[in-house]
Amino acid sequence: MLKRLSKLVLICLGAGIISSARAEEKNPWFNHNFSYEKVDKALENYDFNYKFYDINIEASDFYPGELIKIEIKEKSSVDLEEIILEFDNKKYPIGRLDKNSLISFIPLDLEIKPSNYSIKLKTKVFGKIKTEEYGIDVEKKEFIVQNIKLPKEKLRKSYPSQKDLERIEREKKEKAIAFSKITGKKWEGNFIEPLLEEYAKYGWAYGARRFYSGQERSRHKGLDYPVPLGTEVRATNSGKVVLAEELFFEGNTIIVDHGFSIFSLYLHLKDIYVKSEEKVEKGQIIGTVGASGRATGPHLHYETRVNGISVNPRSLKIID
């Protein structure tokens, strides 16, 4: 059954498979002494139209670059053997928050084409698979265009030498390793701004198409905060530092893992106050604003990645 959904409604989205954490608990279905003939008889009369779960899905908008949160609440003592959430032929991990709650996050890539998309939720109970299908409309959004002229001392960052390219490739692998880590929930409550309120309002330019010296580069995947050099930068939520070092393009960089494939990135820093593998608390000062890397002047580039996709950092307001 296909259901068409609009903004801010309940939907099913995402993908991934999770086996029930309660399968090892005492349950007659897993009792080796239980009569399979009785099981078959019971299944003949079982109502598979019954929903074993409630779903709540929240999103600010269905625009490219936005994030969608899916929460699943199991409401029966019967184990869901599998739950599969699919979107646009891709599968995303599902995490368990507690005994009865599951969660998944689906990022809408900046390059996703505005169109109608089909979303499927598959559940398996007693070996029987049930599929529910939904539809969402990803809407078109216009992003700004920026023409950036780098100062003379930064031109090398746009025209890297062979030695630079080798370094860039090494750093690319380092970042891939950092983002590949899938861990449990580390965040606590809502995500905050990386700067104090007086500066937070200056964050802008997410999704911008950027041209450096007339050449178009990749889309701008974070928020830029043009604030004074040395302004304190704080962790936007609790987590664990997975990278804290100077990179070719990004300059002094910190990456924090918040769990369930949610990462925050802080680029172009002047100072770094934390080390890799260090735990940080929400609001902790982790560095200061700088102009390192390919930056035209002092500012913080703040980025968030979910399941490998960069999303508008302010779309994380749906997480609590």
C-alpha atoms as a PDB file:
ATOM      1  CA  MET A   1       0.000   0.000   0.000  1.00  0.00           C
ATOM      2  CA  LEU A   2       1.507   3.347  -1.030  1.00  0.00           C
ATOM      3  CA  LYS A   3       0.965   6.308   1.246  1.00  0.00           C
ATOM      4  CA  ARG A   4       1.794   9.847   0.164  1.00  0.00           C
ATOM      5  CA  LEU A   5       3.253  12.041   2.868  1.00  0.00           C
ATOM      6  CA  SER A   6       3.901  15.770   3.190  1.00  0.00           C
ATOM      7  CA  LYS A   7       6.162  17.751   5.527  1.00  0.00           C
ATOM      8  CA  LEU A   8       6.313  17.047   9.251  1.00  0.00           C
ATOM      9  CA  VAL A   9       4.213  13.886   9.223  1.00  0.00           C
ATOM     10  CA  LEU A  10       4.815  10.300  10.211  1.00  0.00           C
ATOM     11  CA  ILE A  11       6.727   8.338   7.605  1.00  0.00           C
ATOM     12  CA  CYS A  12       8.998   5.320   7.327  1.00  0.00           C
ATOM     13  CA  LEU A  13      12.385   5.914   5.876  1.00  0.00           C
ATOM     14  CA  GLY A  14      15.937   4.686   5.642  1.00  0.00           C
ATOM     15  CA  ALA A  15      17.335   1.237   5.639  1.00  0.00           C
ATOM     16  CA  GLY A  16      19.288  -1.341   7.509  1.00  0.00           C
ATOM     17  CA  ILE A  17      18.738  -4.603   9.308  1.00  0.00           C
ATOM     18  CA  ILE A  18      18.766  -5.192  13.030  1.00  0.00           C
ATOM     19  CA  SER A  19      18.224  -8.441  14.845  1.00  0.00           C
ATOM     20  CA  SER A  20      16.204  -8.275  18.020  1.00  0.00           C
ATOM     21  CA  ALA A  21      18.336  -7.850  21.115  1.00  0.00           C
ATOM     22  CA  ARG A  22      15.696  -9.827  22.997  1.00  0.00           C
ATOM     23  CA  ALA A  23      15.917 -12.983  20.918  1.00  0.00           C
ATOM     24  CA  GLU A  24      17.981 -14.644  23.615  1.00  0.00           C
ATOM     25  CA  GLU A  25      15.356 -14.040  26.284  1.00  0.00           C
ATOM     26  CA  LYS A  26      13.011 -16.854  27.247  1.00  0.00           C
ATOM     27  CA  ASN A  27      10.440 -17.170  24.561  1.00  0.00           C
ATOM     28  CA  PRO A  28       8.401 -20.223  23.540  1.00  0.00           C
ATOM     29  CA  TRP A  29       9.190 -19.580  19.889  1.00  0.00           C
ATOM     30  CA  PHE A  30      12.850 -20.301  20.638  1.00  0.00           C
ATOM     31  CA  ASN A  31      12.217 -23.257  22.986  1.00  0.00           C
ATOM     32  CA  HIS A  32      13.687 -26.401  21.366  1.00  0.00           C
ATOM     33  CA  ASN A  33      11.117 -28.516  23.197  1.00  0.00           C
ATOM     34  CA  PHE A  34       8.277 -26.528  21.698  1.00  0.00           C
ATOM     35  CA  SER A  35       6.111 -28.382  19.173  1.00  0.00           C
ATOM     36  CA  TYR A  36       6.615 -26.992  15.673  1.00  0.00           C
ATOM     37  CA  GLU A  37       3.281 -28.509  14.710  1.00  0.00           C
ATOM     38  CA  LYS A  38       1.646 -26.275  17.302  1.00  0.00           C
ATOM     39  CA  VAL A  39       3.581 -23.302  15.992  1.00  0.00           C
ATOM     40  CA  ASP A  40       2.374 -23.955  12.443  1.00  0.00           C
ATOM     41  CA  LYS A  41      -1.190 -24.296  13.710  1.00  0.00           C
ATOM     42  CA  ALA A  42      -0.935 -21.019  15.607  1.00  0.00           C
ATOM     43  CA  LEU A  43       0.465 -19.216  12.585  1.00  0.00           C
ATOM     44  CA  GLU A  44      -2.481 -20.308  10.454  1.00  0.00           C
ATOM     45  CA  ASN A  45      -4.795 -18.279  12.687  1.00  0.00           C
ATOM     46  CA  TYR A  46      -2.420 -15.398  13.430  1.00  0.00           C
ATOM     47  CA  ASP A  47      -3.391 -11.873  12.401  1.00  0.00           C
ATOM     48  CA  PHE A  48      -0.371 -10.548  10.497  1.00  0.00           C
ATOM     49  CA  ASN A  49      -2.113  -7.242   9.895  1.00  0.00           C
ATOM     50  CA  TYR A  50      -1.376  -6.384  13.523  1.00  0.00           C
ATOM     51  CA  LYS A  51       1.353  -3.756  13.865  1.00  0.00           C
ATOM     52  CA  PHE A  52       4.028  -4.713  16.339  1.00  0.00           C
ATOM     53  CA  TYR A  53       5.473  -1.198  16.401  1.00  0.00           C
ATOM     54  CA  ASP A  54       4.709   2.500  16.299  1.00  0.00           C
ATOM     55  CA  ILE A  55       6.754   4.806  14.070  1.00  0.00           C
ATOM     56  CA  ASN A  56       7.528   8.471  14.485  1.00  0.00           C
ATOM     57  CA  ILE A  57       9.512  10.254  11.804  1.00  0.00           C
ATOM     58  CA  GLU A  58      10.513  13.879  12.088  1.00  0.00           C
ATOM     59  CA  ALA A  59      12.023  16.324   9.612  1.00  0.00           C
ATOM     60  CA  SER A  60      12.085  20.085   9.310  1.00  0.00           C
ATOM     61  CA  ASP A  61      11.753  19.936   5.508  1.00  0.00           C
ATOM     62  CA  PHE A  62      12.219  17.516   2.653  1.00  0.00           C
ATOM     63  CA  TYR A  63      14.901  19.573   0.930  1.00  0.00           C
ATOM     64  CA  PRO A  64      18.355  18.438  -0.251  1.00  0.00           C
ATOM     65  CA  GLY A  65      20.725  18.579   2.714  1.00  0.00           C
ATOM     66  CA  GLU A  66      18.092  17.965   5.382  1.00  0.00           C
ATOM     67  CA  LEU A  67      18.015  15.151   7.943  1.00  0.00           C
ATOM     68  CA  ILE A  68      15.147  12.797   8.757  1.00  0.00           C
ATOM     69  CA  LYS A  69      14.858  10.997  12.088  1.00  0.00           C
ATOM     70  CA  ILE A  70      12.989   7.713  12.387  1.00  0.00           C
ATOM     71  CA  GLU A  71      12.011   6.291  15.780  1.00  0.00           C
ATOM     72  CA  ILE A  72      10.465   2.839  16.106  1.00  0.00           C
ATOM     73  CA  LYS A  73       8.758   1.740  19.314  1.00  0.00           C
ATOM     74  CA  GLU A  74       8.081  -1.976  19.688  1.00  0.00           C
ATOM     75  CA  LYS A  75       4.694  -2.459  21.366  1.00  0.00           C
ATOM     76  CA  SER A  76       4.485  -6.236  21.652  1.00  0.00           C
ATOM     77  CA  SER A  77       6.317  -8.913  23.587  1.00  0.00           C
ATOM     78  CA  VAL A  78       6.748 -10.718  20.271  1.00  0.00           C
ATOM     79  CA  ASP A  79      10.235 -10.190  18.849  1.00  0.00           C
ATOM     80  CA  LEU A  80      10.654  -8.445  15.521  1.00  0.00           C
ATOM     81  CA  GLU A  81      13.155 -10.783  13.896  1.00  0.00           C
ATOM     82  CA  GLU A  82      14.235  -8.160  11.376  1.00  0.00           C
ATOM     83  CA  ILE A  83      13.470  -4.558  10.495  1.00  0.00           C
ATOM     84  CA  ILE A  84      14.585  -3.209   7.133  1.00  0.00           C
ATOM     85  CA  LEU A  85      14.278   0.466   6.234  1.00  0.00           C
ATOM     86  CA  GLU A  86      14.974   1.405   2.641  1.00  0.00           C
ATOM     87  CA  PHE A  87      15.131   4.695   0.810  1.00  0.00           C
ATOM     88  CA  ASP A  88      16.204   5.306  -2.769  1.00  0.00           C
ATOM     89  CA  ASN A  89      17.572   1.746  -3.018  1.00  0.00           C
ATOM     90  CA  LYS A  90      19.966   2.312  -0.126  1.00  0.00           C
ATOM     91  CA  LYS A  91      20.171   0.779   3.315  1.00  0.00           C
ATOM     92  CA  TYR A  92      21.129   2.650   6.477  1.00  0.00           C
ATOM     93  CA  PRO A  93      21.972   1.320   9.942  1.00  0.00           C
ATOM     94  CA  ILE A  94      19.377   1.152  12.687  1.00  0.00           C
ATOM     95  CA  GLY A  95      20.463   1.501  16.314  1.00  0.00           C
ATOM     96  CA  ARG A  96      18.813   0.360  19.514  1.00  0.00           C
ATOM     97  CA  LEU A  97      18.229   3.092  22.099  1.00  0.00           C
ATOM     98  CA  ASP A  98      16.732   0.812  24.739  1.00  0.00           C
ATOM     99  CA  LYS A  99      14.837  -2.448  25.123  1.00  0.00           C
ATOM    100  CA  ASN A 100      11.851  -1.263  23.088  1.00  0.00           C
ATOM    101  CA  SER A 101      13.187   1.641  21.004  1.00  0.00           C
ATOM    102  CA  LEU A 102      15.085   1.773  17.714  1.00  0.00           C
ATOM    103  CA  ILE A 103      16.348   4.797  15.824  1.00  0.00           C
ATOM    104  CA  SER A 104      17.688   5.611  12.351  1.00  0.00           C
ATOM    105  CA  PHE A 105      18.799   8.785  10.595  1.00  0.00           C
ATOM    106  CA  ILE A 106      18.406   9.361   6.872  1.00  0.00           C
ATOM    107  CA  PRO A 107      20.370  12.225   5.271  1.00  0.00           C
ATOM    108  CA  LEU A 108      19.082  13.758   2.051  1.00  0.00           C
ATOM    109  CA  ASP A 109      22.171  14.348  -0.062  1.00  0.00           C
ATOM    110  CA  LEU A 110      22.747  17.835  -1.481  1.00  0.00           C
ATOM    111  CA  GLU A 111      22.754  16.314  -4.966  1.00  0.00           C
ATOM    112  CA  ILE A 112      19.485  14.395  -4.619  1.00  0.00           C
ATOM    113  CA  LYS A 113      17.087  15.254  -7.440  1.00  0.00           C
ATOM    114  CA  PRO A 114      13.745  16.799  -6.510  1.00  0.00           C
ATOM    115  CA  SER A 115      11.194  14.080  -7.193  1.00  0.00           C
ATOM    116  CA  ASN A 116       8.809  11.550  -5.676  1.00  0.00           C
ATOM    117  CA  TYR A 117      10.577   8.800  -3.766  1.00  0.00           C
ATOM    118  CA  SER A 118       9.342   5.466  -2.519  1.00  0.00           C
ATOM    119  CA  ILE A 119      10.156   4.377   1.034  1.00  0.00           C
ATOM    120  CA  LYS A 120       9.773   0.830   2.294  1.00  0.00           C
ATOM    121  CA  LEU A 121       9.527  -0.620   5.761  1.00  0.00           C
ATOM    122  CA  LYS A 122       9.913  -4.369   5.985  1.00  0.00           C
ATOM    123  CA  THR A 123       9.384  -6.347   9.172  1.00  0.00           C
ATOM    124  CA  LYS A 124       9.790 -10.055   9.809  1.00  0.00           C
ATOM    125  CA  VAL A 125       7.844 -11.889  12.505  1.00  0.00           C
ATOM    126  CA  PHE A 126       7.663 -15.688  12.814  1.00  0.00           C
ATOM    127  CA  GLY A 127       9.410 -15.921   9.453  1.00  0.00           C
ATOM    128  CA  LYS A 128       6.719 -13.857   7.741  1.00  0.00           C
ATOM    129  CA  ILE A 129       7.773 -10.624   5.993  1.00  0.00           C
ATOM    130  CA  LYS A 130       5.417  -7.666   5.840  1.00  0.00           C
ATOM    131  CA  THR A 131       6.149  -4.607   3.692  1.00  0.00           C
ATOM    132  CA  GLU A 132       4.649  -1.140   3.977  1.00  0.00           C
ATOM    133  CA  GLU A 133       5.427   1.440   1.323  1.00  0.00           C
ATOM    134  CA  TYR A 134       5.308   5.207   1.650  1.00  0.00           C
ATOM    135  CA  GLY A 135       6.081   8.130  -0.615  1.00  0.00           C
ATOM    136  CA  ILE A 136       7.729  11.495  -0.012  1.00  0.00           C
ATOM    137  CA  ASP A 137       8.280  14.513  -2.224  1.00  0.00           C
ATOM    138  CA  VAL A 138      11.808  15.914  -2.119  1.00  0.00           C
ATOM    139  CA  GLU A 139      11.395  19.569  -3.068  1.00  0.00           C
ATOM    140  CA  LYS A 140      13.692  21.845  -5.020  1.00  0.00           C
ATOM    141  CA  LYS A 141      15.751  24.413  -3.147  1.00  0.00           C
ATOM    142  CA  GLU A 142      17.916  27.193  -4.541  1.00  0.00           C
ATOM    143  CA  PHE A 143      21.373  27.610  -3.026  1.00  0.00           C
ATOM    144  CA  ILE A 144      23.603  30.653  -3.301  1.00  0.00           C
ATOM    145  CA  VAL A 145      26.596  30.952  -5.659  1.00  0.00           C
ATOM    146  CA  GLN A 146      29.891  32.305  -4.296  1.00  0.00           C
ATOM    147  CA  ASN A 147      32.894  33.532  -6.285  1.00  0.00           C
ATOM    148  CA  ILE A 148      35.898  33.349  -3.991  1.00  0.00           C
ATOM    149  CA  LYS A 149      39.267  34.902  -4.662  1.00  0.00           C
ATOM    150  CA  LEU A 150      42.009  33.392  -2.570  1.00  0.00           C
ATOM    151  CA  PRO A 151      44.830  35.614  -1.289  1.00  0.00           C
ATOM    152  CA  LYS A 152      48.185  35.040  -2.978  1.00  0.00           C
ATOM    153  CA  GLU A 153      49.593  33.019  -0.073  1.00  0.00           C
ATOM    154  CA  LYS A 154      46.627  30.601  -0.317  1.00  0.00           C
ATOM    155  CA  LEU A 155      46.711  29.957  -4.077  1.00  0.00           C
ATOM    156  CA  ARG A 156      48.723  26.756  -3.556  1.00  0.00           C
ATOM    157  CA  LYS A 157      45.668  25.306  -1.867  1.00  0.00           C
ATOM    158  CA  SER A 158      43.757  25.492  -5.159  1.00  0.00           C
ATOM    159  CA  TYR A 159      46.643  24.290  -7.323  1.00  0.00           C
ATOM    160  CA  PRO A 160      48.343  21.549  -5.254  1.00  0.00           C
ATOM    161  CA  SER A 161      51.679  20.108  -6.347  1.00  0.00           C
ATOM    162  CA  GLN A 162      52.314  16.380  -6.787  1.00  0.00           C
ATOM    163  CA  LYS A 163      53.664  16.251  -3.239  1.00  0.00           C
ATOM    164  CA  ASP A 164      50.535  18.031  -2.021  1.00  0.00           C
ATOM    165  CA  LEU A 165      48.333  15.563  -3.917  1.00  0.00           C
ATOM    166  CA  GLU A 166      50.064  12.654  -2.195  1.00  0.00           C
ATOM    167  CA  ARG A 167      49.421  14.280   1.170  1.00  0.00           C
ATOM    168  CA  ILE A 168      45.781  14.963   0.263  1.00  0.00           C
ATOM    169  CA  GLU A 169      45.300  11.281  -0.627  1.00  0.00           C
ATOM    170  CA  ARG A 170      46.786  10.171   2.716  1.00  0.00           C
ATOM    171  CA  GLU A 171      44.508  12.540   4.601  1.00  0.00           C
ATOM    172  CA  LYS A 172      41.507  11.327   2.618  1.00  0.00           C
ATOM    173  CA  LYS A 173      42.183   7.791   3.867  1.00  0.00           C
ATOM    174  CA  GLU A 174      42.591   9.049   7.449  1.00  0.00           C
ATOM    175  CA  LYS A 175      39.215  10.766   7.310  1.00  0.00           C
ATOM    176  CA  ALA A 176      37.585   7.683   5.789  1.00  0.00           C
ATOM    177  CA  ILE A 177      38.836   5.591   8.709  1.00  0.00           C
ATOM    178  CA  ALA A 178      37.504   8.139  11.202  1.00  0.00           C
ATOM    179  CA  PHE A 179      34.050   8.201   9.575  1.00  0.00           C
ATOM    180  CA  SER A 180      33.881   4.407   9.254  1.00  0.00           C
ATOM    181  CA  LYS A 181      33.526   3.895  13.005  1.00  0.00           C
ATOM    182  CA  ILE A 182      29.987   2.926  14.025  1.00  0.00           C
ATOM    183  CA  THR A 183      29.475   3.329  17.752  1.00  0.00           C
ATOM    184  CA  GLY A 184      26.614   3.546  20.229  1.00  0.00           C
ATOM    185  CA  LYS A 185      24.805   6.689  21.299  1.00  0.00           C
ATOM    186  CA  LYS A 186      27.131   9.309  22.792  1.00  0.00           C
ATOM    187  CA  TRP A 187      25.153  12.529  22.375  1.00  0.00           C
ATOM    188  CA  GLU A 188      23.153  13.955  25.282  1.00  0.00           C
ATOM    189  CA  GLY A 189      20.016  15.904  24.473  1.00  0.00           C
ATOM    190  CA  ASN A 190      19.872  18.519  21.730  1.00  0.00           C
ATOM    191  CA  PHE A 191      22.799  19.752  19.624  1.00  0.00           C
ATOM    192  CA  ILE A 192      23.912  23.320  20.338  1.00  0.00           C
ATOM    193  CA  GLU A 193      25.683  25.932  18.217  1.00  0.00           C
ATOM    194  CA  PRO A 194      29.502  25.697  18.080  1.00  0.00           C
ATOM    195  CA  LEU A 195      29.829  29.358  19.119  1.00  0.00           C
ATOM    196  CA  LEU A 196      28.190  31.454  21.796  1.00  0.00           C
ATOM    197  CA  GLU A 197      24.834  33.050  20.987  1.00  0.00           C
ATOM    198  CA  GLU A 198      26.304  36.424  20.034  1.00  0.00           C
ATOM    199  CA  TYR A 199      28.171  34.747  17.145  1.00  0.00           C
ATOM    200  CA  ALA A 200      25.857  31.825  16.335  1.00  0.00           C
ATOM    201  CA  LYS A 201      23.577  33.992  14.184  1.00  0.00           C
ATOM    202  CA  TYR A 202      26.384  34.522  11.638  1.00  0.00           C
ATOM    203  CA  GLY A 203      26.464  30.902  10.466  1.00  0.00           C
ATOM    204  CA  TRP A 204      25.569  30.722   6.774  1.00  0.00           C
ATOM    205  CA  ALA A 205      26.363  29.408   3.234  1.00  0.00           C
ATOM    206  CA  TYR A 206      25.400  25.758   3.660  1.00  0.00           C
ATOM    207  CA  GLY A 207      25.024  24.143   0.225  1.00  0.00           C
ATOM    208  CA  ALA A 208      26.575  27.042  -1.681  1.00  0.00           C
ATOM    209  CA  ARG A 209      28.072  26.456  -5.124  1.00  0.00           C
ATOM    210  CA  ARG A 210      31.617  27.765  -4.896  1.00  0.00           C
ATOM    211  CA  PHE A 211      34.002  29.009  -7.557  1.00  0.00           C
ATOM    212  CA  TYR A 212      37.688  29.507  -6.673  1.00  0.00           C
ATOM    213  CA  SER A 213      39.489  31.736  -9.154  1.00  0.00           C
ATOM    214  CA  GLY A 214      36.724  30.999 -11.662  1.00  0.00           C
ATOM    215  CA  GLN A 215      36.806  27.205 -11.215  1.00  0.00           C
ATOM    216  CA  GLU A 216      33.805  25.470  -9.656  1.00  0.00           C
ATOM    217  CA  ARG A 217      34.678  23.218  -6.739  1.00  0.00           C
ATOM    218  CA  SER A 218      32.557  20.875  -4.664  1.00  0.00           C
ATOM    219  CA  ARG A 219      29.467  22.173  -2.882  1.00  0.00           C
ATOM    220  CA  HIS A 220      29.971  23.891   0.459  1.00  0.00           C
ATOM    221  CA  LYS A 221      28.881  21.284   2.986  1.00  0.00           C
ATOM    222  CA  GLY A 222      28.924  23.235   6.223  1.00  0.00           C
ATOM    223  CA  LEU A 223      28.063  26.525   7.900  1.00  0.00           C
ATOM    224  CA  ASP A 224      30.639  29.322   7.908  1.00  0.00           C
ATOM    225  CA  TYR A 225      30.892  31.667  10.904  1.00  0.00           C
ATOM    226  CA  PRO A 226      32.982  34.774  10.040  1.00  0.00           C
ATOM    227  CA  VAL A 227      33.975  35.800  13.573  1.00  0.00           C
ATOM    228  CA  PRO A 228      37.115  37.236  15.225  1.00  0.00           C
ATOM    229  CA  LEU A 229      40.340  35.257  15.283  1.00  0.00           C
ATOM    230  CA  GLY A 230      40.687  33.332  18.549  1.00  0.00           C
ATOM    231  CA  THR A 231      36.943  33.065  19.296  1.00  0.00           C
ATOM    232  CA  GLU A 232      36.338  29.970  21.414  1.00  0.00           C
ATOM    233  CA  VAL A 233      34.808  26.937  19.666  1.00  0.00           C
ATOM    234  CA  ARG A 234      32.757  24.448  21.643  1.00  0.00           C
ATOM    235  CA  ALA A 235      31.680  20.851  21.067  1.00  0.00           C
ATOM    236  CA  THR A 236      28.059  20.860  19.907  1.00  0.00           C
ATOM    237  CA  ASN A 237      27.323  17.662  21.825  1.00  0.00           C
ATOM    238  CA  SER A 238      29.003  14.940  23.835  1.00  0.00           C
ATOM    239  CA  GLY A 239      31.166  12.450  21.999  1.00  0.00           C
ATOM    240  CA  LYS A 240      34.643  11.153  21.300  1.00  0.00           C
ATOM    241  CA  VAL A 241      37.346  12.865  19.241  1.00  0.00           C
ATOM    242  CA  VAL A 242      38.351  10.676  16.275  1.00  0.00           C
ATOM    243  CA  LEU A 243      40.650  13.179  14.557  1.00  0.00           C
ATOM    244  CA  ALA A 244      42.492  16.286  15.774  1.00  0.00           C
ATOM    245  CA  GLU A 245      45.246  17.494  13.423  1.00  0.00           C
ATOM    246  CA  GLU A 246      46.251  19.881  10.649  1.00  0.00           C
ATOM    247  CA  LEU A 247      44.987  18.930   7.161  1.00  0.00           C
ATOM    248  CA  PHE A 248      45.881  20.382   3.745  1.00  0.00           C
ATOM    249  CA  PHE A 249      42.531  21.896   2.747  1.00  0.00           C
ATOM    250  CA  GLU A 250      40.757  21.987   6.123  1.00  0.00           C
ATOM    251  CA  GLY A 251      43.623  23.371   8.198  1.00  0.00           C
ATOM    252  CA  ASN A 252      43.535  22.589  11.920  1.00  0.00           C
ATOM    253  CA  THR A 253      40.603  20.193  12.210  1.00  0.00           C
ATOM    254  CA  ILE A 254      38.647  18.359  14.892  1.00  0.00           C
ATOM    255  CA  ILE A 255      36.166  15.546  14.197  1.00  0.00           C
ATOM    256  CA  VAL A 256      33.883  14.299  16.987  1.00  0.00           C
ATOM    257  CA  ASP A 257      31.933  11.032  16.881  1.00  0.00           C
ATOM    258  CA  HIS A 258      28.519  11.370  18.580  1.00  0.00           C
ATOM    259  CA  GLY A 259      27.437   7.780  17.947  1.00  0.00           C
ATOM    260  CA  PHE A 260      25.152   6.101  15.402  1.00  0.00           C
ATOM    261  CA  SER A 261      27.278   7.511  12.535  1.00  0.00           C
ATOM    262  CA  ILE A 262      26.734  11.158  13.528  1.00  0.00           C
ATOM    263  CA  PHE A 263      29.892  13.291  13.338  1.00  0.00           C
ATOM    264  CA  SER A 264      30.619  16.992  13.823  1.00  0.00           C
ATOM    265  CA  LEU A 265      33.585  18.708  12.148  1.00  0.00           C
ATOM    266  CA  TYR A 266      35.345  21.954  13.100  1.00  0.00           C
ATOM    267  CA  LEU A 267      37.683  23.353  10.402  1.00  0.00           C
ATOM    268  CA  HIS A 268      40.228  26.163   9.862  1.00  0.00           C
ATOM    269  CA  LEU A 269      40.980  26.390  13.596  1.00  0.00           C
ATOM    270  CA  LYS A 270      43.797  28.395  15.127  1.00  0.00           C
ATOM    271  CA  ASP A 271      44.178  26.249  18.239  1.00  0.00           C
ATOM    272  CA  ILE A 272      43.247  22.639  19.001  1.00  0.00           C
ATOM    273  CA  TYR A 273      42.691  21.850  22.686  1.00  0.00           C
ATOM    274  CA  VAL A 274      41.793  18.147  22.419  1.00  0.00           C
ATOM    275  CA  LYS A 275      43.458  14.939  21.247  1.00  0.00           C
ATOM    276  CA  SER A 276      42.249  11.969  19.238  1.00  0.00           C
ATOM    277  CA  GLU A 277      40.403   9.368  21.375  1.00  0.00           C
ATOM    278  CA  GLU A 278      39.580  12.013  24.005  1.00  0.00           C
ATOM    279  CA  LYS A 279      36.002  12.188  25.303  1.00  0.00           C
ATOM    280  CA  VAL A 280      34.347  15.601  25.178  1.00  0.00           C
ATOM    281  CA  GLU A 281      31.243  17.016  26.807  1.00  0.00           C
ATOM    282  CA  LYS A 282      28.603  19.206  25.199  1.00  0.00           C
ATOM    283  CA  GLY A 283      29.696  22.837  25.422  1.00  0.00           C
ATOM    284  CA  GLN A 284      33.346  22.007  26.155  1.00  0.00           C
ATOM    285  CA  ILE A 285      35.857  24.433  24.605  1.00  0.00           C
ATOM    286  CA  ILE A 286      37.813  22.355  22.068  1.00  0.00           C
ATOM    287  CA  GLY A 287      39.628  25.033  20.063  1.00  0.00           C
ATOM    288  CA  THR A 288      39.612  28.576  18.691  1.00  0.00           C
ATOM    289  CA  VAL A 289      38.628  30.158  15.378  1.00  0.00           C
ATOM    290  CA  GLY A 290      41.454  30.567  12.875  1.00  0.00           C
ATOM    291  CA  ALA A 291      42.206  30.895   9.176  1.00  0.00           C
ATOM    292  CA  SER A 292      44.245  27.742   8.563  1.00  0.00           C
ATOM    293  CA  GLY A 293      43.969  25.622   5.428  1.00  0.00           C
ATOM    294  CA  ARG A 294      42.130  26.955   2.376  1.00  0.00           C
ATOM    295  CA  ALA A 295      40.493  29.893   4.120  1.00  0.00           C
ATOM    296  CA  THR A 296      40.232  33.497   2.947  1.00  0.00           C
ATOM    297  CA  GLY A 297      40.150  34.856   6.491  1.00  0.00           C
ATOM    298  CA  PRO A 298      39.238  34.025  10.114  1.00  0.00           C
ATOM    299  CA  HIS A 299      36.094  31.907  10.350  1.00  0.00           C
ATOM    300  CA  LEU A 300      34.804  28.587  11.617  1.00  0.00           C
ATOM    301  CA  HIS A 301      33.579  26.005   9.149  1.00  0.00           C
ATOM    302  CA  TYR A 302      31.194  23.764  11.084  1.00  0.00           C
ATOM    303  CA  GLU A 303      29.960  20.605   9.386  1.00  0.00           C
ATOM    304  CA  THR A 304      27.842  17.594  10.348  1.00  0.00           C
ATOM    305  CA  ARG A 305      27.852  14.188   8.669  1.00  0.00           C
ATOM    306  CA  VAL A 306      25.278  11.463   9.188  1.00  0.00           C
ATOM    307  CA  ASN A 307      25.749   8.017   7.671  1.00  0.00           C
ATOM    308  CA  GLY A 308      28.492   9.396   5.456  1.00  0.00           C
ATOM    309  CA  ILE A 309      26.473  12.313   4.058  1.00  0.00           C
ATOM    310  CA  SER A 310      26.959  15.991   4.946  1.00  0.00           C
ATOM    311  CA  VAL A 311      23.721  17.611   6.108  1.00  0.00           C
ATOM    312  CA  ASN A 312      22.712  21.095   7.158  1.00  0.00           C
ATOM    313  CA  PRO A 313      23.978  21.306  10.767  1.00  0.00           C
ATOM    314  CA  ARG A 314      20.778  23.054  11.809  1.00  0.00           C
ATOM    315  CA  SER A 315      18.742  20.060  10.665  1.00  0.00           C
ATOM    316  CA  LEU A 316      20.136  18.240  13.723  1.00  0.00           C
ATOM    317  CA  LYS A 317      17.733  20.245  15.880  1.00  0.00           C
ATOM    318  CA  ILE A 318      15.328  17.294  15.521  1.00  0.00           C
ATOM    319  CA  ILE A 319      17.720  15.159  17.604  1.00  0.00           C
ATOM    320  CA  ASP A 320      17.253  15.194  21.350  1.00  0.00           C
END
